[in-house]
């Protein structure tokens, strides 16, 4: 799902409709924090075309982009290197993404990492 980061706030596409087609965005913290912030962007637009329509009820997360990239790379490395332990993968990438690893410690992500690894079908991990 595409995500857009605007001034430390993360939005995801909620729905696409209209003529001309528009993407209606919702704050990523909608469920967790009940944030009702909304934005719109033309389907062929870029990040500068985003118009925020409702404000957030929480402070910005300036490490959001690093955390998204950190999680994406964790998953990619796990899927491409099935014989390396999840702890070693985490420690290696935490050096590249220190801010993200501080906010997403290994004990909070290890279950998800194991699930990613199981979904790849690595022998001996199920």
PDB file of N, CA and C in Angstrom:
ATOM      1  N   UNK A   1       0.851  -1.169   0.000  1.00  0.00           N
ATOM      2  CA  UNK A   1       0.000   0.000   0.000  1.00  0.00           C
ATOM      3  C   UNK A   1       0.900   1.237   0.000  1.00  0.00           C
ATOM      4  N   UNK A   2       0.711   2.136  -0.955  1.00  0.00           N
ATOM      5  CA  UNK A   2       1.568   3.332  -0.970  1.00  0.00           C
ATOM      6  C   UNK A   2       1.321   4.201   0.259  1.00  0.00           C
ATOM      7  N   UNK A   3       2.395   4.770   0.751  1.00  0.00           N
ATOM      8  CA  UNK A   3       2.311   5.666   1.897  1.00  0.00           C
ATOM      9  C   UNK A   3       2.927   6.997   1.517  1.00  0.00           C
ATOM     10  N   UNK A   4       2.375   8.044   2.077  1.00  0.00           N
ATOM     11  CA  UNK A   4       2.860   9.395   1.838  1.00  0.00           C
ATOM     12  C   UNK A   4       3.200  10.007   3.183  1.00  0.00           C
ATOM     13  N   UNK A   5       4.384  10.611   3.275  1.00  0.00           N
ATOM     14  CA  UNK A   5       4.808  11.245   4.514  1.00  0.00           C
ATOM     15  C   UNK A   5       4.850  12.741   4.282  1.00  0.00           C
ATOM     16  N   UNK A   6       4.062  13.456   5.076  1.00  0.00           N
ATOM     17  CA  UNK A   6       3.956  14.910   4.952  1.00  0.00           C
ATOM     18  C   UNK A   6       4.252  15.518   6.316  1.00  0.00           C
ATOM     19  N   UNK A   7       5.372  16.233   6.416  1.00  0.00           N
ATOM     20  CA  UNK A   7       5.751  16.924   7.657  1.00  0.00           C
ATOM     21  C   UNK A   7       5.755  15.987   8.868  1.00  0.00           C
ATOM     22  N   UNK A   8       6.202  14.754   8.697  1.00  0.00           N
ATOM     23  CA  UNK A   8       6.289  13.812   9.794  1.00  0.00           C
ATOM     24  C   UNK A   8       5.013  13.016  10.052  1.00  0.00           C
ATOM     25  N   UNK A   9       3.989  13.224   9.240  1.00  0.00           N
ATOM     26  CA  UNK A   9       2.736  12.483   9.370  1.00  0.00           C
ATOM     27  C   UNK A   9       2.617  11.505   8.205  1.00  0.00           C
ATOM     28  N   UNK A  10       2.211  10.275   8.501  1.00  0.00           N
ATOM     29  CA  UNK A  10       2.125   9.241   7.475  1.00  0.00           C
ATOM     30  C   UNK A  10       0.657   9.051   7.083  1.00  0.00           C
ATOM     31  N   UNK A  11       0.408   9.096   5.778  1.00  0.00           N
ATOM     32  CA  UNK A  11      -0.919   8.849   5.220  1.00  0.00           C
ATOM     33  C   UNK A  11      -0.863   7.604   4.348  1.00  0.00           C
ATOM     34  N   UNK A  12      -1.980   6.901   4.237  1.00  0.00           N
ATOM     35  CA  UNK A  12      -2.094   5.814   3.278  1.00  0.00           C
ATOM     36  C   UNK A  12      -3.355   6.040   2.452  1.00  0.00           C
ATOM     37  N   UNK A  13      -3.409   5.402   1.295  1.00  0.00           N
ATOM     38  CA  UNK A  13      -4.556   5.567   0.392  1.00  0.00           C
ATOM     39  C   UNK A  13      -5.752   4.849   0.993  1.00  0.00           C
ATOM     40  N   UNK A  14      -6.831   5.585   1.175  1.00  0.00           N
ATOM     41  CA  UNK A  14      -8.057   5.020   1.709  1.00  0.00           C
ATOM     42  C   UNK A  14      -8.991   4.613   0.569  1.00  0.00           C
ATOM     43  N   UNK A  15      -9.112   5.495  -0.435  1.00  0.00           N
ATOM     44  CA  UNK A  15     -10.000   5.220  -1.569  1.00  0.00           C
ATOM     45  C   UNK A  15      -9.565   6.079  -2.756  1.00  0.00           C
ATOM     46  N   UNK A  16      -9.864   5.592  -3.960  1.00  0.00           N
ATOM     47  CA  UNK A  16      -9.607   6.362  -5.178  1.00  0.00           C
ATOM     48  C   UNK A  16     -10.927   6.489  -5.912  1.00  0.00           C
ATOM     49  N   UNK A  17     -11.275   7.727  -6.288  1.00  0.00           N
ATOM     50  CA  UNK A  17     -12.514   7.934  -7.025  1.00  0.00           C
ATOM     51  C   UNK A  17     -12.525   9.327  -7.618  1.00  0.00           C
ATOM     52  N   UNK A  18     -13.561   9.584  -8.429  1.00  0.00           N
ATOM     53  CA  UNK A  18     -13.789  10.915  -8.976  1.00  0.00           C
ATOM     54  C   UNK A  18     -13.276  11.089 -10.382  1.00  0.00           C
ATOM     55  N   UNK A  19     -13.669  12.216 -10.955  1.00  0.00           N
ATOM     56  CA  UNK A  19     -13.219  12.638 -12.278  1.00  0.00           C
ATOM     57  C   UNK A  19     -12.840  14.094 -12.174  1.00  0.00           C
ATOM     58  N   UNK A  20     -11.601  14.463 -12.274  1.00  0.00           N
ATOM     59  CA  UNK A  20     -10.439  13.600 -12.476  1.00  0.00           C
ATOM     60  C   UNK A  20     -10.204  12.706 -11.258  1.00  0.00           C
ATOM     61  N   UNK A  21      -9.584  11.541 -11.448  1.00  0.00           N
ATOM     62  CA  UNK A  21      -9.386  10.609 -10.334  1.00  0.00           C
ATOM     63  C   UNK A  21      -8.506  11.207  -9.234  1.00  0.00           C
ATOM     64  N   UNK A  22      -8.975  11.035  -8.010  1.00  0.00           N
ATOM     65  CA  UNK A  22      -8.263  11.540  -6.836  1.00  0.00           C
ATOM     66  C   UNK A  22      -8.035  10.382  -5.865  1.00  0.00           C
ATOM     67  N   UNK A  23      -6.939  10.471  -5.116  1.00  0.00           N
ATOM     68  CA  UNK A  23      -6.685   9.523  -4.038  1.00  0.00           C
ATOM     69  C   UNK A  23      -7.022  10.238  -2.737  1.00  0.00           C
ATOM     70  N   UNK A  24      -7.867   9.601  -1.961  1.00  0.00           N
ATOM     71  CA  UNK A  24      -8.234  10.130  -0.664  1.00  0.00           C
ATOM     72  C   UNK A  24      -7.399   9.395   0.375  1.00  0.00           C
ATOM     73  N   UNK A  25      -6.648  10.163   1.140  1.00  0.00           N
ATOM     74  CA  UNK A  25      -5.691   9.600   2.087  1.00  0.00           C
ATOM     75  C   UNK A  25      -6.211   9.691   3.516  1.00  0.00           C
ATOM     76  N   UNK A  26      -5.806   8.747   4.328  1.00  0.00           N
ATOM     77  CA  UNK A  26      -6.184   8.703   5.740  1.00  0.00           C
ATOM     78  C   UNK A  26      -4.893   8.584   6.545  1.00  0.00           C
ATOM     79  N   UNK A  27      -4.890   9.178   7.732  1.00  0.00           N
ATOM     80  CA  UNK A  27      -3.730   9.088   8.614  1.00  0.00           C
ATOM     81  C   UNK A  27      -3.493   7.629   8.992  1.00  0.00           C
ATOM     82  N   UNK A  28      -2.243   7.232   9.030  1.00  0.00           N
ATOM     83  CA  UNK A  28      -1.878   5.870   9.398  1.00  0.00           C
ATOM     84  C   UNK A  28      -2.277   5.556  10.842  1.00  0.00           C
ATOM     85  N   UNK A  29      -2.434   6.586  11.659  1.00  0.00           N
ATOM     86  CA  UNK A  29      -2.788   6.407  13.070  1.00  0.00           C
ATOM     87  C   UNK A  29      -4.293   6.418  13.306  1.00  0.00           C
ATOM     88  N   UNK A  30      -5.062   6.199  12.259  1.00  0.00           N
ATOM     89  CA  UNK A  30      -6.525   6.222  12.376  1.00  0.00           C
ATOM     90  C   UNK A  30      -7.038   5.215  13.406  1.00  0.00           C
ATOM     91  N   UNK A  31      -6.586   3.997  13.310  1.00  0.00           N
ATOM     92  CA  UNK A  31      -7.075   2.963  14.242  1.00  0.00           C
ATOM     93  C   UNK A  31      -6.413   3.058  15.607  1.00  0.00           C
ATOM     94  N   UNK A  32      -5.111   3.215  15.627  1.00  0.00           N
ATOM     95  CA  UNK A  32      -4.380   3.190  16.893  1.00  0.00           C
ATOM     96  C   UNK A  32      -4.694   4.393  17.777  1.00  0.00           C
ATOM     97  N   UNK A  33      -4.738   5.585  17.178  1.00  0.00           N
ATOM     98  CA  UNK A  33      -4.945   6.803  17.963  1.00  0.00           C
ATOM     99  C   UNK A  33      -6.279   7.488  17.679  1.00  0.00           C
ATOM    100  N   UNK A  34      -7.049   6.946  16.746  1.00  0.00           N
ATOM    101  CA  UNK A  34      -8.318   7.585  16.400  1.00  0.00           C
ATOM    102  C   UNK A  34      -8.140   8.902  15.663  1.00  0.00           C
ATOM    103  N   UNK A  35      -7.044   9.050  14.947  1.00  0.00           N
ATOM    104  CA  UNK A  35      -6.776  10.299  14.219  1.00  0.00           C
ATOM    105  C   UNK A  35      -7.639  10.355  12.957  1.00  0.00           C
ATOM    106  N   UNK A  36      -8.361  11.436  12.797  1.00  0.00           N
ATOM    107  CA  UNK A  36      -9.255  11.597  11.652  1.00  0.00           C
ATOM    108  C   UNK A  36      -8.674  12.519  10.577  1.00  0.00           C
ATOM    109  N   UNK A  37      -7.357  12.710  10.600  1.00  0.00           N
ATOM    110  CA  UNK A  37      -6.720  13.551   9.583  1.00  0.00           C
ATOM    111  C   UNK A  37      -6.922  12.930   8.208  1.00  0.00           C
ATOM    112  N   UNK A  38      -7.199  13.792   7.237  1.00  0.00           N
ATOM    113  CA  UNK A  38      -7.436  13.367   5.857  1.00  0.00           C
ATOM    114  C   UNK A  38      -6.664  14.276   4.912  1.00  0.00           C
ATOM    115  N   UNK A  39      -6.398  13.756   3.729  1.00  0.00           N
ATOM    116  CA  UNK A  39      -5.746  14.543   2.684  1.00  0.00           C
ATOM    117  C   UNK A  39      -6.187  13.991   1.335  1.00  0.00           C
ATOM    118  N   UNK A  40      -5.987  14.786   0.296  1.00  0.00           N
ATOM    119  CA  UNK A  40      -6.279  14.324  -1.063  1.00  0.00           C
ATOM    120  C   UNK A  40      -5.100  14.661  -1.957  1.00  0.00           C
ATOM    121  N   UNK A  41      -4.988  13.861  -3.025  1.00  0.00           N
ATOM    122  CA  UNK A  41      -3.937  14.066  -4.018  1.00  0.00           C
ATOM    123  C   UNK A  41      -4.458  13.535  -5.352  1.00  0.00           C
ATOM    124  N   UNK A  42      -4.216  14.256  -6.455  1.00  0.00           N
ATOM    125  CA  UNK A  42      -4.587  13.704  -7.760  1.00  0.00           C
ATOM    126  C   UNK A  42      -3.833  12.401  -8.013  1.00  0.00           C
ATOM    127  N   UNK A  43      -4.462  11.453  -8.687  1.00  0.00           N
ATOM    128  CA  UNK A  43      -3.819  10.156  -8.954  1.00  0.00           C
ATOM    129  C   UNK A  43      -2.508  10.309  -9.701  1.00  0.00           C
ATOM    130  N   UNK A  44      -2.399  11.333 -10.529  1.00  0.00           N
ATOM    131  CA  UNK A  44      -1.156  11.548 -11.270  1.00  0.00           C
ATOM    132  C   UNK A  44      -0.284  12.611 -10.603  1.00  0.00           C
ATOM    133  N   UNK A  45      -0.614  12.993  -9.371  1.00  0.00           N
ATOM    134  CA  UNK A  45       0.119  14.040  -8.664  1.00  0.00           C
ATOM    135  C   UNK A  45       1.327  13.505  -7.918  1.00  0.00           C
ATOM    136  N   UNK A  46       2.075  14.426  -7.340  1.00  0.00           N
ATOM    137  CA  UNK A  46       3.219  14.042  -6.521  1.00  0.00           C
ATOM    138  C   UNK A  46       3.023  14.592  -5.112  1.00  0.00           C
ATOM    139  N   UNK A  47       3.999  14.381  -4.271  1.00  0.00           N
ATOM    140  CA  UNK A  47       3.873  14.726  -2.857  1.00  0.00           C
ATOM    141  C   UNK A  47       3.562  16.210  -2.640  1.00  0.00           C
ATOM    142  N   UNK A  48       4.025  17.079  -3.539  1.00  0.00           N
ATOM    143  CA  UNK A  48       3.761  18.512  -3.392  1.00  0.00           C
ATOM    144  C   UNK A  48       2.291  18.857  -3.663  1.00  0.00           C
ATOM    145  N   UNK A  49       1.556  17.951  -4.304  1.00  0.00           N
ATOM    146  CA  UNK A  49       0.151  18.203  -4.626  1.00  0.00           C
ATOM    147  C   UNK A  49      -0.807  17.790  -3.509  1.00  0.00           C
ATOM    148  N   UNK A  50      -0.300  17.214  -2.433  1.00  0.00           N
ATOM    149  CA  UNK A  50      -1.168  16.767  -1.342  1.00  0.00           C
ATOM    150  C   UNK A  50      -1.756  17.966  -0.620  1.00  0.00           C
ATOM    151  N   UNK A  51      -3.053  17.907  -0.396  1.00  0.00           N
ATOM    152  CA  UNK A  51      -3.757  18.937   0.364  1.00  0.00           C
ATOM    153  C   UNK A  51      -4.367  18.280   1.597  1.00  0.00           C
ATOM    154  N   UNK A  52      -3.917  18.699   2.776  1.00  0.00           N
ATOM    155  CA  UNK A  52      -4.438  18.161   4.033  1.00  0.00           C
ATOM    156  C   UNK A  52      -5.767  18.831   4.330  1.00  0.00           C
ATOM    157  N   UNK A  53      -6.801  18.017   4.566  1.00  0.00           N
ATOM    158  CA  UNK A  53      -8.155  18.536   4.776  1.00  0.00           C
ATOM    159  C   UNK A  53      -8.580  18.544   6.239  1.00  0.00           C
ATOM    160  N   UNK A  54      -8.041  17.647   7.048  1.00  0.00           N
ATOM    161  CA  UNK A  54      -8.321  17.605   8.485  1.00  0.00           C
ATOM    162  C   UNK A  54      -7.000  17.452   9.212  1.00  0.00           C
ATOM    163  N   UNK A  55      -6.884  18.103  10.350  1.00  0.00           N
ATOM    164  CA  UNK A  55      -5.633  18.068  11.110  1.00  0.00           C
ATOM    165  C   UNK A  55      -5.528  16.821  11.976  1.00  0.00           C
ATOM    166  N   UNK A  56      -4.302  16.548  12.392  1.00  0.00           N
ATOM    167  CA  UNK A  56      -4.000  15.383  13.216  1.00  0.00           C
ATOM    168  C   UNK A  56      -4.266  15.668  14.688  1.00  0.00           C
ATOM    169  N   UNK A  57      -4.482  14.612  15.453  1.00  0.00           N
ATOM    170  CA  UNK A  57      -4.677  14.751  16.898  1.00  0.00           C
ATOM    171  C   UNK A  57      -3.451  14.260  17.670  1.00  0.00           C
ATOM    172  N   UNK A  58      -2.313  14.165  16.994  1.00  0.00           N
ATOM    173  CA  UNK A  58      -1.090  13.647  17.599  1.00  0.00           C
ATOM    174  C   UNK A  58       0.101  14.381  17.006  1.00  0.00           C
ATOM    175  N   UNK A  59       1.247  14.338  17.684  1.00  0.00           N
ATOM    176  CA  UNK A  59       2.432  15.016  17.144  1.00  0.00           C
ATOM    177  C   UNK A  59       3.012  14.253  15.952  1.00  0.00           C
ATOM    178  N   UNK A  60       3.811  14.932  15.140  1.00  0.00           N
ATOM    179  CA  UNK A  60       4.447  14.256  13.998  1.00  0.00           C
ATOM    180  C   UNK A  60       5.494  13.254  14.459  1.00  0.00           C
ATOM    181  N   UNK A  61       5.766  12.289  13.602  1.00  0.00           N
ATOM    182  CA  UNK A  61       6.786  11.280  13.854  1.00  0.00           C
ATOM    183  C   UNK A  61       7.868  11.471  12.792  1.00  0.00           C
ATOM    184  N   UNK A  62       8.924  12.169  13.166  1.00  0.00           N
ATOM    185  CA  UNK A  62       9.960  12.504  12.190  1.00  0.00           C
ATOM    186  C   UNK A  62      10.847  11.318  11.817  1.00  0.00           C
ATOM    187  N   UNK A  63      10.678  10.188  12.502  1.00  0.00           N
ATOM    188  CA  UNK A  63      11.431   8.993  12.128  1.00  0.00           C
ATOM    189  C   UNK A  63      10.567   8.027  11.310  1.00  0.00           C
ATOM    190  N   UNK A  64       9.381   8.455  10.929  1.00  0.00           N
ATOM    191  CA  UNK A  64       8.440   7.574  10.230  1.00  0.00           C
ATOM    192  C   UNK A  64       9.040   6.991   8.952  1.00  0.00           C
ATOM    193  N   UNK A  65       9.671   7.828   8.158  1.00  0.00           N
ATOM    194  CA  UNK A  65      10.220   7.338   6.892  1.00  0.00           C
ATOM    195  C   UNK A  65      11.319   6.310   7.132  1.00  0.00           C
ATOM    196  N   UNK A  66      12.188   6.588   8.098  1.00  0.00           N
ATOM    197  CA  UNK A  66      13.260   5.632   8.400  1.00  0.00           C
ATOM    198  C   UNK A  66      12.677   4.309   8.891  1.00  0.00           C
ATOM    199  N   UNK A  67      11.635   4.360   9.709  1.00  0.00           N
ATOM    200  CA  UNK A  67      11.018   3.129  10.215  1.00  0.00           C
ATOM    201  C   UNK A  67      10.393   2.321   9.081  1.00  0.00           C
ATOM    202  N   UNK A  68       9.741   2.981   8.144  1.00  0.00           N
ATOM    203  CA  UNK A  68       9.124   2.286   7.012  1.00  0.00           C
ATOM    204  C   UNK A  68      10.198   1.588   6.174  1.00  0.00           C
ATOM    205  N   UNK A  69      11.288   2.292   5.898  1.00  0.00           N
ATOM    206  CA  UNK A  69      12.382   1.711   5.100  1.00  0.00           C
ATOM    207  C   UNK A  69      13.046   0.576   5.878  1.00  0.00           C
ATOM    208  N   UNK A  70      13.252   0.761   7.170  1.00  0.00           N
ATOM    209  CA  UNK A  70      13.857  -0.268   8.020  1.00  0.00           C
ATOM    210  C   UNK A  70      13.036  -1.553   7.983  1.00  0.00           C
ATOM    211  N   UNK A  71      11.728  -1.448   8.154  1.00  0.00           N
ATOM    212  CA  UNK A  71      10.864  -2.636   8.129  1.00  0.00           C
ATOM    213  C   UNK A  71      10.865  -3.294   6.755  1.00  0.00           C
ATOM    214  N   UNK A  72      10.821  -2.490   5.707  1.00  0.00           N
ATOM    215  CA  UNK A  72      10.838  -3.033   4.343  1.00  0.00           C
ATOM    216  C   UNK A  72      12.131  -3.801   4.084  1.00  0.00           C
ATOM    217  N   UNK A  73      13.255  -3.223   4.514  1.00  0.00           N
ATOM    218  CA  UNK A  73      14.536  -3.894   4.287  1.00  0.00           C
ATOM    219  C   UNK A  73      14.687  -5.139   5.164  1.00  0.00           C
ATOM    220  N   UNK A  74      14.190  -5.100   6.395  1.00  0.00           N
ATOM    221  CA  UNK A  74      14.211  -6.298   7.225  1.00  0.00           C
ATOM    222  C   UNK A  74      13.522  -7.451   6.503  1.00  0.00           C
ATOM    223  N   UNK A  75      12.353  -7.174   5.980  1.00  0.00           N
ATOM    224  CA  UNK A  75      11.574  -8.214   5.302  1.00  0.00           C
ATOM    225  C   UNK A  75      12.303  -8.723   4.061  1.00  0.00           C
ATOM    226  N   UNK A  76      12.841  -7.800   3.265  1.00  0.00           N
ATOM    227  CA  UNK A  76      13.554  -8.204   2.042  1.00  0.00           C
ATOM    228  C   UNK A  76      14.769  -9.068   2.349  1.00  0.00           C
ATOM    229  N   UNK A  77      15.553  -8.654   3.335  1.00  0.00           N
ATOM    230  CA  UNK A  77      16.763  -9.408   3.673  1.00  0.00           C
ATOM    231  C   UNK A  77      16.396 -10.788   4.219  1.00  0.00           C
ATOM    232  N   UNK A  78      15.364 -10.846   5.051  1.00  0.00           N
ATOM    233  CA  UNK A  78      14.925 -12.147   5.580  1.00  0.00           C
ATOM    234  C   UNK A  78      14.488 -13.084   4.466  1.00  0.00           C
ATOM    235  N   UNK A  79      13.783 -12.547   3.492  1.00  0.00           N
ATOM    236  CA  UNK A  79      13.270 -13.384   2.412  1.00  0.00           C
ATOM    237  C   UNK A  79      14.383 -13.839   1.465  1.00  0.00           C
ATOM    238  N   UNK A  80      15.396 -13.012   1.297  1.00  0.00           N
ATOM    239  CA  UNK A  80      16.483 -13.353   0.376  1.00  0.00           C
ATOM    240  C   UNK A  80      17.588 -14.173   1.035  1.00  0.00           C
ATOM    241  N   UNK A  81      17.650 -14.177   2.363  1.00  0.00           N
ATOM    242  CA  UNK A  81      18.713 -14.866   3.093  1.00  0.00           C
ATOM    243  C   UNK A  81      18.105 -15.767   4.156  1.00  0.00           C
ATOM    244  N   UNK A  82      17.506 -16.862   3.762  1.00  0.00           N
ATOM    245  CA  UNK A  82      16.766 -17.697   4.711  1.00  0.00           C
ATOM    246  C   UNK A  82      17.624 -18.402   5.759  1.00  0.00           C
ATOM    247  N   UNK A  83      18.931 -18.446   5.581  1.00  0.00           N
ATOM    248  CA  UNK A  83      19.775 -19.170   6.530  1.00  0.00           C
ATOM    249  C   UNK A  83      20.393 -18.272   7.598  1.00  0.00           C
ATOM    250  N   UNK A  84      20.261 -16.975   7.454  1.00  0.00           N
ATOM    251  CA  UNK A  84      20.787 -16.039   8.451  1.00  0.00           C
ATOM    252  C   UNK A  84      19.740 -15.872   9.549  1.00  0.00           C
ATOM    253  N   UNK A  85      20.180 -15.866  10.800  1.00  0.00           N
ATOM    254  CA  UNK A  85      19.229 -15.739  11.915  1.00  0.00           C
ATOM    255  C   UNK A  85      18.552 -14.370  11.883  1.00  0.00           C
ATOM    256  N   UNK A  86      17.321 -14.334  12.382  1.00  0.00           N
ATOM    257  CA  UNK A  86      16.587 -13.068  12.377  1.00  0.00           C
ATOM    258  C   UNK A  86      17.283 -12.038  13.266  1.00  0.00           C
ATOM    259  N   UNK A  87      17.898 -12.483  14.339  1.00  0.00           N
ATOM    260  CA  UNK A  87      18.622 -11.568  15.240  1.00  0.00           C
ATOM    261  C   UNK A  87      19.800 -10.934  14.509  1.00  0.00           C
ATOM    262  N   UNK A  88      20.546 -11.729  13.727  1.00  0.00           N
ATOM    263  CA  UNK A  88      21.678 -11.187  12.980  1.00  0.00           C
ATOM    264  C   UNK A  88      21.216 -10.189  11.919  1.00  0.00           C
ATOM    265  N   UNK A  89      20.119 -10.493  11.245  1.00  0.00           N
ATOM    266  CA  UNK A  89      19.568  -9.569  10.242  1.00  0.00           C
ATOM    267  C   UNK A  89      19.192  -8.264  10.922  1.00  0.00           C
ATOM    268  N   UNK A  90      18.492  -8.362  12.047  1.00  0.00           N
ATOM    269  CA  UNK A  90      18.055  -7.173  12.770  1.00  0.00           C
ATOM    270  C   UNK A  90      19.269  -6.331  13.194  1.00  0.00           C
ATOM    271  N   UNK A  91      20.269  -6.971  13.809  1.00  0.00           N
ATOM    272  CA  UNK A  91      21.428  -6.232  14.292  1.00  0.00           C
ATOM    273  C   UNK A  91      22.189  -5.564  13.158  1.00  0.00           C
ATOM    274  N   UNK A  92      22.292  -6.234  12.036  1.00  0.00           N
ATOM    275  CA  UNK A  92      22.994  -5.664  10.892  1.00  0.00           C
ATOM    276  C   UNK A  92      22.280  -4.405  10.382  1.00  0.00           C
ATOM    277  N   UNK A  93      20.972  -4.491  10.217  1.00  0.00           N
ATOM    278  CA  UNK A  93      20.233  -3.338   9.698  1.00  0.00           C
ATOM    279  C   UNK A  93      20.047  -2.242  10.746  1.00  0.00           C
ATOM    280  N   UNK A  94      20.090  -2.599  12.017  1.00  0.00           N
ATOM    281  CA  UNK A  94      19.938  -1.569  13.050  1.00  0.00           C
ATOM    282  C   UNK A  94      21.129  -0.609  13.060  1.00  0.00           C
ATOM    283  N   UNK A  95      22.262  -1.048  12.550  1.00  0.00           N
ATOM    284  CA  UNK A  95      23.410  -0.147  12.424  1.00  0.00           C
ATOM    285  C   UNK A  95      23.175   0.886  11.329  1.00  0.00           C
ATOM    286  N   UNK A  96      22.474   0.485  10.290  1.00  0.00           N
ATOM    287  CA  UNK A  96      22.165   1.401   9.194  1.00  0.00           C
ATOM    288  C   UNK A  96      21.026   2.346   9.568  1.00  0.00           C
ATOM    289  N   UNK A  97      20.079   1.854  10.367  1.00  0.00           N
ATOM    290  CA  UNK A  97      18.891   2.627  10.747  1.00  0.00           C
ATOM    291  C   UNK A  97      18.787   2.717  12.273  1.00  0.00           C
ATOM    292  N   UNK A  98      19.692   3.470  12.901  1.00  0.00           N
ATOM    293  CA  UNK A  98      19.716   3.505  14.371  1.00  0.00           C
ATOM    294  C   UNK A  98      18.458   4.109  15.001  1.00  0.00           C
ATOM    295  N   UNK A  99      17.894   5.147  14.399  1.00  0.00           N
ATOM    296  CA  UNK A  99      16.691   5.766  14.965  1.00  0.00           C
ATOM    297  C   UNK A  99      15.505   4.813  14.914  1.00  0.00           C
ATOM    298  N   UNK A 100      15.363   4.140  13.802  1.00  0.00           N
ATOM    299  CA  UNK A 100      14.259   3.193  13.651  1.00  0.00           C
ATOM    300  C   UNK A 100      14.420   2.019  14.614  1.00  0.00           C
ATOM    301  N   UNK A 101      15.624   1.522  14.752  1.00  0.00           N
ATOM    302  CA  UNK A 101      15.826   0.372  15.633  1.00  0.00           C
ATOM    303  C   UNK A 101      15.613   0.743  17.100  1.00  0.00           C
ATOM    304  N   UNK A 102      15.847   2.008  17.458  1.00  0.00           N
ATOM    305  CA  UNK A 102      15.546   2.436  18.830  1.00  0.00           C
ATOM    306  C   UNK A 102      14.039   2.428  19.083  1.00  0.00           C
ATOM    307  N   UNK A 103      13.277   2.786  18.079  1.00  0.00           N
ATOM    308  CA  UNK A 103      11.818   2.837  18.241  1.00  0.00           C
ATOM    309  C   UNK A 103      11.144   1.495  17.972  1.00  0.00           C
ATOM    310  N   UNK A 104      11.837   0.608  17.248  1.00  0.00           N
ATOM    311  CA  UNK A 104      11.306  -0.731  16.976  1.00  0.00           C
ATOM    312  C   UNK A 104      12.339  -1.737  17.474  1.00  0.00           C
ATOM    313  N   UNK A 105      12.389  -1.975  18.778  1.00  0.00           N
ATOM    314  CA  UNK A 105      13.385  -2.916  19.302  1.00  0.00           C
ATOM    315  C   UNK A 105      13.105  -4.349  18.851  1.00  0.00           C
ATOM    316  N   UNK A 106      14.145  -5.164  18.895  1.00  0.00           N
ATOM    317  CA  UNK A 106      14.053  -6.542  18.407  1.00  0.00           C
ATOM    318  C   UNK A 106      12.935  -7.321  19.085  1.00  0.00           C
ATOM    319  N   UNK A 107      12.772  -7.166  20.399  1.00  0.00           N
ATOM    320  CA  UNK A 107      11.750  -7.954  21.094  1.00  0.00           C
ATOM    321  C   UNK A 107      10.335  -7.611  20.637  1.00  0.00           C
ATOM    322  N   UNK A 108      10.135  -6.430  20.044  1.00  0.00           N
ATOM    323  CA  UNK A 108       8.807  -6.080  19.523  1.00  0.00           C
ATOM    324  C   UNK A 108       8.579  -6.555  18.088  1.00  0.00           C
ATOM    325  N   UNK A 109       9.646  -6.801  17.350  1.00  0.00           N
ATOM    326  CA  UNK A 109       9.509  -7.133  15.926  1.00  0.00           C
ATOM    327  C   UNK A 109       9.828  -8.595  15.630  1.00  0.00           C
ATOM    328  N   UNK A 110      10.408  -9.316  16.575  1.00  0.00           N
ATOM    329  CA  UNK A 110      10.876 -10.680  16.272  1.00  0.00           C
ATOM    330  C   UNK A 110       9.753 -11.623  15.868  1.00  0.00           C
ATOM    331  N   UNK A 111       8.564 -11.486  16.460  1.00  0.00           N
ATOM    332  CA  UNK A 111       7.450 -12.363  16.070  1.00  0.00           C
ATOM    333  C   UNK A 111       7.034 -12.100  14.622  1.00  0.00           C
ATOM    334  N   UNK A 112       7.001 -10.834  14.256  1.00  0.00           N
ATOM    335  CA  UNK A 112       6.651 -10.487  12.877  1.00  0.00           C
ATOM    336  C   UNK A 112       7.723 -10.992  11.916  1.00  0.00           C
ATOM    337  N   UNK A 113       8.984 -10.869  12.307  1.00  0.00           N
ATOM    338  CA  UNK A 113      10.077 -11.350  11.467  1.00  0.00           C
ATOM    339  C   UNK A 113       9.981 -12.864  11.276  1.00  0.00           C
ATOM    340  N   UNK A 114       9.657 -13.591  12.336  1.00  0.00           N
ATOM    341  CA  UNK A 114       9.469 -15.042  12.218  1.00  0.00           C
ATOM    342  C   UNK A 114       8.307 -15.369  11.280  1.00  0.00           C
ATOM    343  N   UNK A 115       7.259 -14.588  11.350  1.00  0.00           N
ATOM    344  CA  UNK A 115       6.104 -14.806  10.468  1.00  0.00           C
ATOM    345  C   UNK A 115       6.491 -14.558   9.011  1.00  0.00           C
ATOM    346  N   UNK A 116       7.254 -13.494   8.752  1.00  0.00           N
ATOM    347  CA  UNK A 116       7.715 -13.237   7.391  1.00  0.00           C
ATOM    348  C   UNK A 116       8.534 -14.428   6.888  1.00  0.00           C
ATOM    349  N   UNK A 117       9.408 -14.918   7.754  1.00  0.00           N
ATOM    350  CA  UNK A 117      10.281 -16.026   7.372  1.00  0.00           C
ATOM    351  C   UNK A 117       9.439 -17.284   7.101  1.00  0.00           C
ATOM    352  N   UNK A 118       8.452 -17.567   7.940  1.00  0.00           N
ATOM    353  CA  UNK A 118       7.597 -18.747   7.734  1.00  0.00           C
ATOM    354  C   UNK A 118       6.815 -18.649   6.423  1.00  0.00           C
ATOM    355  N   UNK A 119       6.364 -17.461   6.081  1.00  0.00           N
ATOM    356  CA  UNK A 119       5.586 -17.271   4.855  1.00  0.00           C
ATOM    357  C   UNK A 119       6.415 -17.512   3.603  1.00  0.00           C
ATOM    358  N   UNK A 120       7.724 -17.430   3.725  1.00  0.00           N
ATOM    359  CA  UNK A 120       8.602 -17.729   2.584  1.00  0.00           C
ATOM    360  C   UNK A 120       8.718 -19.232   2.396  1.00  0.00           C
ATOM    361  N   UNK A 121       8.481 -19.986   3.472  1.00  0.00           N
ATOM    362  CA  UNK A 121       8.543 -21.439   3.383  1.00  0.00           C
ATOM    363  C   UNK A 121       9.928 -22.004   3.601  1.00  0.00           C
ATOM    364  N   UNK A 122      10.676 -21.410   4.518  1.00  0.00           N
ATOM    365  CA  UNK A 122      12.013 -21.897   4.813  1.00  0.00           C
ATOM    366  C   UNK A 122      11.913 -23.194   5.620  1.00  0.00           C
ATOM    367  N   UNK A 123      12.586 -24.244   5.196  1.00  0.00           N
ATOM    368  CA  UNK A 123      12.533 -25.516   5.932  1.00  0.00           C
ATOM    369  C   UNK A 123      13.009 -25.337   7.374  1.00  0.00           C
ATOM    370  N   UNK A 124      12.293 -25.982   8.290  1.00  0.00           N
ATOM    371  CA  UNK A 124      12.667 -25.957   9.698  1.00  0.00           C
ATOM    372  C   UNK A 124      12.201 -24.735  10.474  1.00  0.00           C
ATOM    373  N   UNK A 125      11.406 -23.828   9.852  1.00  0.00           N
ATOM    374  CA  UNK A 125      10.944 -22.649  10.572  1.00  0.00           C
ATOM    375  C   UNK A 125       9.457 -22.692  10.845  1.00  0.00           C
ATOM    376  N   UNK A 126       8.804 -23.806  10.535  1.00  0.00           N
ATOM    377  CA  UNK A 126       7.365 -23.861  10.756  1.00  0.00           C
ATOM    378  C   UNK A 126       6.999 -24.760  11.891  1.00  0.00           C
TER     379      UNK A 126
END
